[in-house]
Structure formats: structure tokens, C-alpha cells
Amino acid sequence: MSIVSTGRPKPGGPSVGRRSTAGRLGPRGPLWPAWRQQRAVIWAGAALLVVAAGYILWWRADMAAYIEAHPLSACDPTQTCDVVGDPAHQGPAPFLRRYGTALEDTAGLLVVVPALIGVFLGAPLVARDAEAGTHKLLWTQSVSRSRLLAVKLGLAASATAAGTGALSAVFARWWSPALPELAKARTYGLAENYVWYEAVPFHSTGPVFVALSLLALTVGVTAGLLLRRTLVAMAATLAVVAAGQWGLGHLLPRLARLMPVRTGTARVADPASPAADPIGIKAPVPGDGWMVRDGFLTGSGDKLSDQEWGRVLDACPVGREGPCAARHGVVGRFAEYHPVGQYWPLQWIEAGICLAAAAALAAFCLWRIRRRRD
């Protein structure tokens, strides 16, 4: 037997035909459709984060045990030791063979994470509704379209920041103990690729990784809002994010010019000696230093330019350049470098640039969606 309501609902009671949400747990209001649309991607990202974190922590535990069992400090650059075939596994070469490739490959994989976020989370955020026509239904609700977009973008940005922040912290836990060992390996010229100032790992660690992911997200949302086709927006996002990462890699050396450099010098013991050879000495630079410039010093401490050094060489016979250069007043060498301590200032500068660009794109999207007529 069916029951048909013929009267008005009682005051304070639920309306007929309307489901009560008083006891429902979870997101409410405009956050509910935003979560429904993004939950599959967010849950998939969370699962991948757990897998990646487990992989990184496994390698980190194995590396920590190896360093404890085989202290690399036993093979010092000032000592004579077999750095390539060290039978005691206390040199940098065995360490690099065991962990170097895994470290570099993992950092390289993390570099593509921002692009994946922009392609699979950012681009479909608006383009999917515009392509299917469901945006017309959403925009007829009591909530304004700009608020709907702000909620959707805020949820995606929160998930992105939390996930990439956790991933960056886990990877830093693996990378940090390896830095002293990699610096020692670089003193032998064995680890030229494992440096903190290269795009890998600079863009896959620290706040830059999180900020770059947020920027990729807003690039995807912007592409979806303008192009209104999901696949086209995804392709455009991938291209723009890849170009942006390439540009940031070339921007980093220019940002480093804002930071002061340190100088290491080395001089011959007796410049007047016939055996004095300033070419054969090397200015001290830490293994983790980013060398910017090196050259030769005069007795008064002046740094010779490349042209001045070229003129000295032109005046010296072949095979006797060192003693000849000493007779021309060259007494040593210098090297200018950025210390590893400048990693964090450079990280925050580049992260600030990425966050400012992301905020500008988000503001543009909110302005644009209020102006649209369809």
C-alpha cells in the first residue's frame, strides 16, 4: 500500500521527497561534488605515494646499514687508496655502484610527478564538465561558479601539497645521508652527476618540488578552462609543464648569481724556485661545492682573466709552462664556488617564483570563469 502525502510538512520536519543529510558524514556543500569528481585520482595518487615511500624507505634503510658497516671515511682523499677497486668496500666507488644509480633514477622519476599531476588532476578538472556539458547544470545551482571552481581547485591543491610534501620529505630522508658520501666521491671525480645544483635532484626535492607541482596543477586547470577538451588540455599541459621545467633548469644558474661566492686559493711554496709550478696545483673546493670560476693568481693576489692568462702562455715554451708562468708572476690558483649551504635559499627563491605563477594562474581562472556566458 502506498502512502501519499497530501498536506504540508510539519514545522521543523524534513521536506517530502528530500533526503535528510543531517547524519551523513563526509564533505558537504560544494565540497561534495568536488570530492566525487576527484576522489579516484586522489586515491590513486595516495596508493602510488605509499608504494613510492615504501620503496624509498627500503633503500634508505639498506644504505644506512651499509654506511655503518663500511665507513667511507676510512678512504680519505689526502691518503693513497684504491678508490676504484677498494677490497674493503670503504671507498666511494663501491658505494656509487650500489646506490648511485638508484638515487639518480628515483630523483629522475620524481621530476615527472608535477607533469603527471597537471595532466591527470589539473587538466580534467574543468575540461571534463565543459566537454560533457554538465557544467551548465552545475552553474545553475545556488552556489556561484567562481566558488565552485575555488572549492574544486582548493581540494586539488590541498591533495597535491600534502602528497608531494610527504614524498619530498621521504626522499630527502634517503638523499641527505648520502650527500657526504657523494661529496667525497666527487673529490675523486667519480660522481659528477650526483650534485645538489643540477635539475635532478634540485627540482625533485625541497619546497621547489611542492611549488612546481602546484604550478603544474594550475597550468592544467587553465588549459582545461581555455581549451574545453580533456585530451587537448592534457596534451597542452604536458607540453607547457615540460617547457617550464626546462626553463627553470636554465634559470637556476642565474638565480645563483644573487648569492655570494666563496673563494679557495692555493699557492706554490716558493715562487722563486726553478721547480715552482702553479699550473700543477689545485685550489681547494669542497666536493659538494658548485664551482663557478677558476683561474690563476699573481703575487699581489690579483686574479688573471682568461685573456691575461693566454698572453702568459703565449710567452712560455711548450713543456715548460709551469716554471715559465711562475717567472711571469703567477704564484697560484683560485676557485670561486657556491657552498652547499646555499641550497635552501635557492630552493625558497625558486619555490616563490613557482607559487607566484600558480597564484596568478588561479586568479586568472577565477576571473575567467565569472566572465564566461556558457
Protein backbone atom coordinates (compact mmCIF):
# COMPACT_ATOMS: atom_id res chain seq x y z
CA MET A 1 0.00 0.00 0.00
CA SER A 2 1.40 3.38 -0.98
CA ILE A 3 1.27 6.36 1.23
CA VAL A 4 0.75 9.75 -0.40
CA SER A 5 1.39 12.92 1.46
CA THR A 6 -1.33 15.50 0.90
CA GLY A 7 -0.51 18.08 3.49
CA ARG A 8 2.33 20.42 4.28
CA PRO A 9 5.28 19.06 6.15
CA LYS A 10 5.27 19.62 9.85
CA PRO A 11 7.29 22.58 11.08
CA GLY A 12 10.85 21.53 11.75
CA GLY A 13 10.42 18.22 9.93
CA PRO A 14 12.08 17.12 6.72
CA SER A 15 10.52 18.06 3.42
CA VAL A 16 8.70 15.38 1.45
CA GLY A 17 10.81 13.85 -1.30
CA ARG A 18 14.05 15.41 0.08
CA ARG A 19 16.70 13.22 1.65
CA SER A 20 17.92 14.32 5.04
CA THR A 21 21.69 14.84 5.22
CA ALA A 22 21.84 15.56 8.93
CA GLY A 23 23.52 12.26 9.76
CA ARG A 24 25.71 11.95 6.66
CA LEU A 25 29.45 12.00 7.25
CA GLY A 26 31.99 13.39 4.79
CA PRO A 27 32.15 16.50 2.61
CA ARG A 28 29.08 18.71 2.30
CA GLY A 29 28.02 21.61 0.14
CA PRO A 30 30.14 22.34 -2.94
CA LEU A 31 32.92 20.22 -1.50
CA TRP A 32 30.84 17.07 -2.04
CA PRO A 33 30.71 17.19 -5.88
CA ALA A 34 34.35 18.31 -5.93
CA TRP A 35 35.34 15.25 -3.92
CA ARG A 36 33.17 12.96 -6.04
CA GLN A 37 34.91 14.16 -9.19
CA GLN A 38 38.47 13.97 -7.88
CA ARG A 39 38.40 11.05 -5.46
CA ALA A 40 39.51 8.43 -7.99
CA VAL A 41 42.63 10.39 -8.93
CA ILE A 42 43.34 11.32 -5.31
CA TRP A 43 43.03 7.72 -4.10
CA ALA A 44 45.21 6.50 -6.97
CA GLY A 45 47.82 9.13 -6.09
CA ALA A 46 47.69 8.10 -2.43
CA ALA A 47 48.28 4.46 -3.37
CA LEU A 48 51.24 5.39 -5.56
CA LEU A 49 52.60 7.55 -2.72
CA VAL A 50 52.52 4.59 -0.33
CA VAL A 51 54.32 2.38 -2.84
CA ALA A 52 56.96 5.03 -3.59
CA ALA A 53 57.50 5.77 0.10
CA GLY A 54 57.96 2.09 0.85
CA TYR A 55 60.49 1.73 -1.96
CA ILE A 56 62.47 4.79 -0.86
CA LEU A 57 62.49 3.86 2.82
CA TRP A 58 63.66 0.33 1.96
CA TRP A 59 66.63 1.73 0.03
CA ARG A 60 67.35 4.23 2.80
CA ALA A 61 67.46 1.53 5.48
CA ASP A 62 69.77 -0.62 3.35
CA MET A 63 72.06 2.34 2.65
CA ALA A 64 72.25 3.33 6.32
CA ALA A 65 73.25 -0.21 7.24
CA TYR A 66 75.89 -0.23 4.50
CA ILE A 67 77.42 3.09 5.62
CA GLU A 68 77.55 1.86 9.20
CA ALA A 69 79.25 -1.38 8.18
CA HIS A 70 81.61 0.21 5.62
CA PRO A 71 82.54 3.74 6.76
CA LEU A 72 83.77 5.65 3.75
CA SER A 73 85.78 7.97 5.97
CA ALA A 74 88.50 5.31 6.03
CA CYS A 75 89.40 6.23 2.45
CA ASP A 76 90.32 9.91 2.61
CA PRO A 77 91.28 11.99 -0.46
CA THR A 78 94.54 13.01 1.25
CA GLN A 79 95.57 9.37 1.55
CA THR A 80 96.66 6.89 -1.06
CA CYS A 81 93.98 4.26 -1.54
CA ASP A 82 92.41 2.26 -4.33
CA VAL A 83 89.22 4.27 -4.96
CA VAL A 84 88.09 2.05 -7.85
CA GLY A 85 88.75 -1.49 -6.65
CA ASP A 86 88.78 -0.99 -2.89
CA PRO A 87 88.60 -4.53 -1.48
CA ALA A 88 87.35 -3.31 1.91
CA HIS A 89 84.38 -1.52 0.31
CA GLN A 90 85.42 1.66 2.09
CA GLY A 91 85.93 3.82 -1.00
CA PRO A 92 83.36 5.84 -2.93
CA ALA A 93 83.28 3.57 -6.00
CA PRO A 94 81.55 0.59 -4.28
CA PHE A 95 79.06 2.98 -2.69
CA LEU A 96 78.20 4.50 -6.07
CA ARG A 97 77.82 1.12 -7.72
CA ARG A 98 75.43 0.02 -5.01
CA TYR A 99 73.30 3.15 -4.51
CA GLY A 100 74.23 5.82 -7.03
CA THR A 101 72.05 4.63 -9.90
CA ALA A 102 69.04 4.03 -7.65
CA LEU A 103 69.35 7.52 -6.17
CA GLU A 104 69.66 9.23 -9.53
CA ASP A 105 66.90 7.21 -11.22
CA THR A 106 64.47 7.82 -8.36
CA ALA A 107 65.17 11.55 -8.43
CA GLY A 108 64.62 11.48 -12.20
CA LEU A 109 61.25 9.77 -11.77
CA LEU A 110 60.18 12.33 -9.17
CA VAL A 111 60.85 15.11 -11.68
CA VAL A 112 57.92 13.89 -13.81
CA VAL A 113 55.46 13.91 -10.89
CA PRO A 114 54.42 17.58 -11.39
CA ALA A 115 53.63 16.89 -15.04
CA LEU A 116 51.50 13.87 -14.06
CA ILE A 117 49.59 16.00 -11.55
CA GLY A 118 48.93 18.68 -14.13
CA VAL A 119 47.85 16.16 -16.79
CA PHE A 120 45.66 13.80 -14.77
CA LEU A 121 44.36 16.05 -11.98
CA GLY A 122 44.50 19.62 -13.27
CA ALA A 123 43.51 19.35 -16.94
CA PRO A 124 40.28 17.33 -16.45
CA LEU A 125 39.13 19.46 -13.51
CA VAL A 126 37.17 21.87 -15.71
CA ALA A 127 37.56 20.41 -19.19
CA ARG A 128 35.65 17.22 -18.35
CA ASP A 129 32.50 19.11 -17.34
CA ALA A 130 32.78 21.52 -20.28
CA GLU A 131 33.21 18.66 -22.75
CA ALA A 132 30.28 16.66 -21.35
CA GLY A 133 28.04 19.71 -20.96
CA THR A 134 27.47 19.07 -17.24
CA HIS A 135 28.94 22.49 -16.41
CA LYS A 136 25.61 24.07 -17.39
CA LEU A 137 23.84 22.11 -14.68
CA LEU A 138 26.49 22.92 -12.10
CA TRP A 139 26.37 26.62 -12.86
CA THR A 140 22.60 26.80 -12.34
CA GLN A 141 22.96 25.92 -8.66
CA SER A 142 22.71 28.43 -5.84
CA VAL A 143 26.50 28.37 -5.40
CA SER A 144 28.35 30.73 -7.74
CA ARG A 145 30.54 29.26 -10.46
CA SER A 146 33.63 31.00 -9.09
CA ARG A 147 33.02 29.45 -5.67
CA LEU A 148 32.55 26.03 -7.24
CA LEU A 149 35.86 26.36 -9.07
CA ALA A 150 37.59 27.70 -5.95
CA VAL A 151 36.43 24.68 -3.95
CA LYS A 152 37.47 22.21 -6.64
CA LEU A 153 40.83 23.88 -7.10
CA GLY A 154 41.36 24.16 -3.34
CA LEU A 155 40.72 20.44 -2.85
CA ALA A 156 43.09 19.52 -5.67
CA ALA A 157 45.76 21.92 -4.39
CA SER A 158 45.49 20.58 -0.83
CA ALA A 159 45.87 16.99 -2.01
CA THR A 160 48.79 17.98 -4.24
CA ALA A 161 50.62 19.88 -1.49
CA ALA A 162 50.12 17.10 1.06
CA GLY A 163 51.18 14.31 -1.30
CA THR A 164 54.21 15.99 -2.83
CA GLY A 165 55.31 17.36 0.54
CA ALA A 166 55.26 13.87 2.02
CA LEU A 167 57.07 12.40 -0.99
CA SER A 168 59.74 15.12 -0.88
CA ALA A 169 60.30 14.57 2.84
CA VAL A 170 60.66 10.80 2.39
CA PHE A 171 63.10 11.21 -0.48
CA ALA A 172 65.12 13.79 1.50
CA ARG A 173 65.44 11.21 4.26
CA TRP A 174 67.16 8.93 1.75
CA TRP A 175 69.17 11.60 -0.06
CA SER A 176 70.53 13.51 2.96
CA PRO A 177 72.72 10.72 4.48
CA ALA A 178 74.18 10.10 1.02
CA LEU A 179 75.29 13.71 0.45
CA PRO A 180 78.56 13.49 2.45
CA GLU A 181 79.49 10.24 0.71
CA LEU A 182 78.68 11.67 -2.72
CA ALA A 183 80.74 14.77 -1.93
CA LYS A 184 83.67 12.55 -1.04
CA ALA A 185 83.22 10.62 -4.29
CA ARG A 186 83.31 13.87 -6.25
CA THR A 187 86.74 14.67 -4.86
CA TYR A 188 87.90 11.69 -6.92
CA GLY A 189 85.88 12.75 -9.95
CA LEU A 190 83.64 9.70 -9.64
CA ALA A 191 80.24 11.36 -9.05
CA GLU A 192 79.90 14.32 -11.34
CA ASN A 193 76.16 13.70 -11.87
CA TYR A 194 75.17 13.49 -8.20
CA VAL A 195 75.19 17.18 -7.37
CA TRP A 196 72.62 19.25 -5.49
CA TYR A 197 72.55 22.10 -8.01
CA GLU A 198 71.55 20.06 -11.07
CA ALA A 199 67.90 19.94 -12.16
CA VAL A 200 67.92 16.37 -10.86
CA PRO A 201 67.71 16.33 -7.85
CA PHE A 202 67.13 20.07 -7.25
CA HIS A 203 63.62 20.03 -8.76
CA SER A 204 62.64 16.76 -7.07
CA THR A 205 63.48 17.82 -3.51
CA GLY A 206 62.54 20.54 -1.05
CA PRO A 207 59.84 23.20 -1.43
CA VAL A 208 60.56 23.55 -5.17
CA PHE A 209 59.07 20.09 -5.74
CA VAL A 210 55.83 21.07 -3.97
CA ALA A 211 55.62 24.51 -5.59
CA LEU A 212 56.32 23.12 -9.05
CA SER A 213 53.56 20.54 -8.58
CA LEU A 214 51.08 23.26 -7.61
CA LEU A 215 52.12 25.29 -10.64
CA ALA A 216 51.60 22.27 -12.91
CA LEU A 217 48.15 21.79 -11.37
CA THR A 218 47.08 25.35 -12.15
CA VAL A 219 48.54 25.07 -15.65
CA GLY A 220 46.29 22.07 -16.21
CA VAL A 221 43.22 23.85 -14.86
CA THR A 222 43.94 26.87 -17.04
CA ALA A 223 44.38 24.70 -20.12
CA GLY A 224 41.11 22.89 -19.42
CA LEU A 225 39.24 26.15 -18.89
CA LEU A 226 40.51 27.66 -22.14
CA LEU A 227 40.55 24.61 -24.42
CA ARG A 228 37.47 22.81 -23.02
CA ARG A 229 38.59 19.44 -24.41
CA THR A 230 40.08 16.98 -21.97
CA LEU A 231 42.62 15.25 -24.20
CA VAL A 232 43.70 18.51 -25.84
CA ALA A 233 44.08 20.15 -22.42
CA MET A 234 46.13 17.20 -21.14
CA ALA A 235 48.48 17.36 -24.11
CA ALA A 236 48.87 21.13 -23.78
CA THR A 237 49.53 20.79 -20.05
CA LEU A 238 52.26 18.22 -20.62
CA ALA A 239 53.97 20.45 -23.18
CA VAL A 240 53.78 23.59 -21.03
CA VAL A 241 54.98 21.87 -17.84
CA ALA A 242 57.89 20.21 -19.66
CA ALA A 243 58.89 23.56 -21.17
CA GLY A 244 58.57 25.21 -17.76
CA GLN A 245 60.84 22.66 -16.10
CA TRP A 246 63.40 23.12 -18.85
CA GLY A 247 63.23 26.88 -18.33
CA LEU A 248 63.63 26.55 -14.56
CA GLY A 249 66.71 24.40 -15.11
CA HIS A 250 68.28 27.27 -17.07
CA LEU A 251 67.02 29.84 -14.57
CA LEU A 252 68.80 28.23 -11.62
CA PRO A 253 72.33 29.38 -12.58
CA ARG A 254 71.02 32.94 -12.97
CA LEU A 255 69.38 32.80 -9.55
CA ALA A 256 72.68 31.57 -8.12
CA ARG A 257 74.26 34.85 -9.21
CA LEU A 258 72.21 36.51 -6.48
CA MET A 259 74.13 34.51 -3.89
CA PRO A 260 77.69 35.34 -2.72
CA VAL A 261 80.50 33.05 -3.80
CA ARG A 262 83.35 31.69 -1.71
CA THR A 263 86.93 31.56 -2.91
CA GLY A 264 89.52 28.89 -2.34
CA THR A 265 93.19 29.62 -3.13
CA ALA A 266 96.41 27.61 -3.36
CA ARG A 267 99.93 28.99 -3.84
CA VAL A 268 103.30 27.45 -4.61
CA ALA A 269 105.60 27.17 -1.62
CA ASP A 270 108.49 29.07 -3.21
CA PRO A 271 107.65 31.09 -6.35
CA ALA A 272 111.35 31.85 -6.89
CA SER A 273 112.27 28.19 -7.08
CA PRO A 274 113.11 26.91 -10.60
CA ALA A 275 110.80 23.98 -9.93
CA ALA A 276 107.80 26.17 -8.99
CA ASP A 277 104.75 25.06 -11.00
CA PRO A 278 101.49 26.99 -10.28
CA ILE A 279 99.74 25.04 -13.04
CA GLY A 280 100.23 21.75 -11.23
CA ILE A 281 98.42 22.81 -8.05
CA LYS A 282 94.68 22.88 -7.44
CA ALA A 283 92.61 25.35 -5.44
CA PRO A 284 90.63 23.65 -2.67
CA VAL A 285 86.92 23.29 -3.43
CA PRO A 286 84.58 21.13 -1.30
CA GLY A 287 83.22 18.05 -3.01
CA ASP A 288 79.70 19.45 -2.62
CA GLY A 289 80.62 22.94 -3.86
CA TRP A 290 79.21 24.40 -7.07
CA MET A 291 82.29 25.78 -8.82
CA VAL A 292 81.59 28.93 -10.80
CA ARG A 293 85.04 30.04 -11.92
CA ASP A 294 88.68 29.14 -11.52
CA GLY A 295 91.94 30.67 -12.67
CA PHE A 296 95.38 31.86 -11.67
CA LEU A 297 96.70 34.31 -9.09
CA THR A 298 99.58 36.77 -9.20
CA GLY A 299 101.91 37.52 -6.33
CA SER A 300 99.81 40.56 -5.38
CA GLY A 301 96.66 38.41 -5.19
CA ASP A 302 95.13 39.64 -8.45
CA LYS A 303 93.03 37.17 -10.45
CA LEU A 304 94.11 36.81 -14.05
CA SER A 305 91.45 36.95 -16.72
CA ASP A 306 91.39 34.36 -19.50
CA GLN A 307 92.96 36.88 -21.88
CA GLU A 308 95.77 37.70 -19.44
CA TRP A 309 96.47 34.04 -18.80
CA GLY A 310 96.51 33.42 -22.55
CA ARG A 311 99.18 36.06 -23.00
CA VAL A 312 101.29 34.38 -20.31
CA LEU A 313 101.03 31.03 -22.06
CA ASP A 314 101.92 32.58 -25.42
CA ALA A 315 105.18 33.80 -23.90
CA CYS A 316 106.10 30.38 -22.47
CA PRO A 317 107.74 27.46 -24.32
CA VAL A 318 105.81 24.24 -24.72
CA GLY A 319 106.54 21.79 -21.92
CA ARG A 320 107.82 24.47 -19.54
CA GLU A 321 104.59 26.39 -18.94
CA GLY A 322 104.59 25.98 -15.14
CA PRO A 323 108.05 27.37 -14.26
CA CYS A 324 107.69 30.00 -17.01
CA ALA A 325 104.34 31.17 -15.58
CA ALA A 326 105.98 31.48 -12.15
CA ARG A 327 108.68 33.72 -13.64
CA HIS A 328 105.88 35.90 -15.06
CA GLY A 329 104.45 36.47 -11.59
CA VAL A 330 101.86 33.65 -11.42
CA VAL A 331 102.09 32.11 -7.97
CA GLY A 332 98.91 30.07 -7.51
CA ARG A 333 95.34 29.26 -8.44
CA PHE A 334 91.90 30.27 -7.20
CA ALA A 335 88.41 28.80 -7.45
CA GLU A 336 85.07 30.53 -6.80
CA TYR A 337 82.15 28.31 -5.77
CA HIS A 338 78.73 28.22 -4.14
CA PRO A 339 78.68 26.13 -0.95
CA VAL A 340 76.01 23.51 -0.34
CA GLY A 341 74.53 25.76 2.35
CA GLN A 342 73.01 27.91 -0.42
CA TYR A 343 70.75 25.03 -1.42
CA TRP A 344 67.92 26.21 0.84
CA PRO A 345 67.98 29.91 -0.12
CA LEU A 346 67.91 28.94 -3.80
CA GLN A 347 65.10 26.46 -3.10
CA TRP A 348 62.94 29.11 -1.48
CA ILE A 349 63.63 31.67 -4.21
CA GLU A 350 62.63 29.29 -6.99
CA ALA A 351 59.68 27.96 -4.98
CA GLY A 352 58.46 31.54 -4.50
CA ILE A 353 58.59 32.10 -8.26
CA CYS A 354 56.56 28.94 -8.90
CA LEU A 355 53.99 29.77 -6.21
CA ALA A 356 53.56 33.31 -7.53
CA ALA A 357 52.94 31.95 -11.03
CA ALA A 358 50.49 29.37 -9.65
CA ALA A 359 48.59 32.06 -7.72
CA ALA A 360 48.42 34.24 -10.84
CA LEU A 361 47.00 31.37 -12.91
CA ALA A 362 44.46 30.51 -10.20
CA ALA A 363 43.32 34.14 -10.06
CA PHE A 364 43.03 34.20 -13.84
CA CYS A 365 40.87 31.06 -13.79
CA LEU A 366 38.51 32.54 -11.20
CA TRP A 367 38.26 35.78 -13.19
CA ARG A 368 37.74 33.92 -16.45
CA ILE A 369 35.02 31.64 -15.18
CA ARG A 370 32.99 34.61 -13.91
CA ARG A 371 33.17 36.15 -17.39
CA ARG A 372 32.02 33.12 -19.30
CA ARG A 373 28.49 33.16 -20.63
CA ASP A 374 28.03 29.46 -21.27
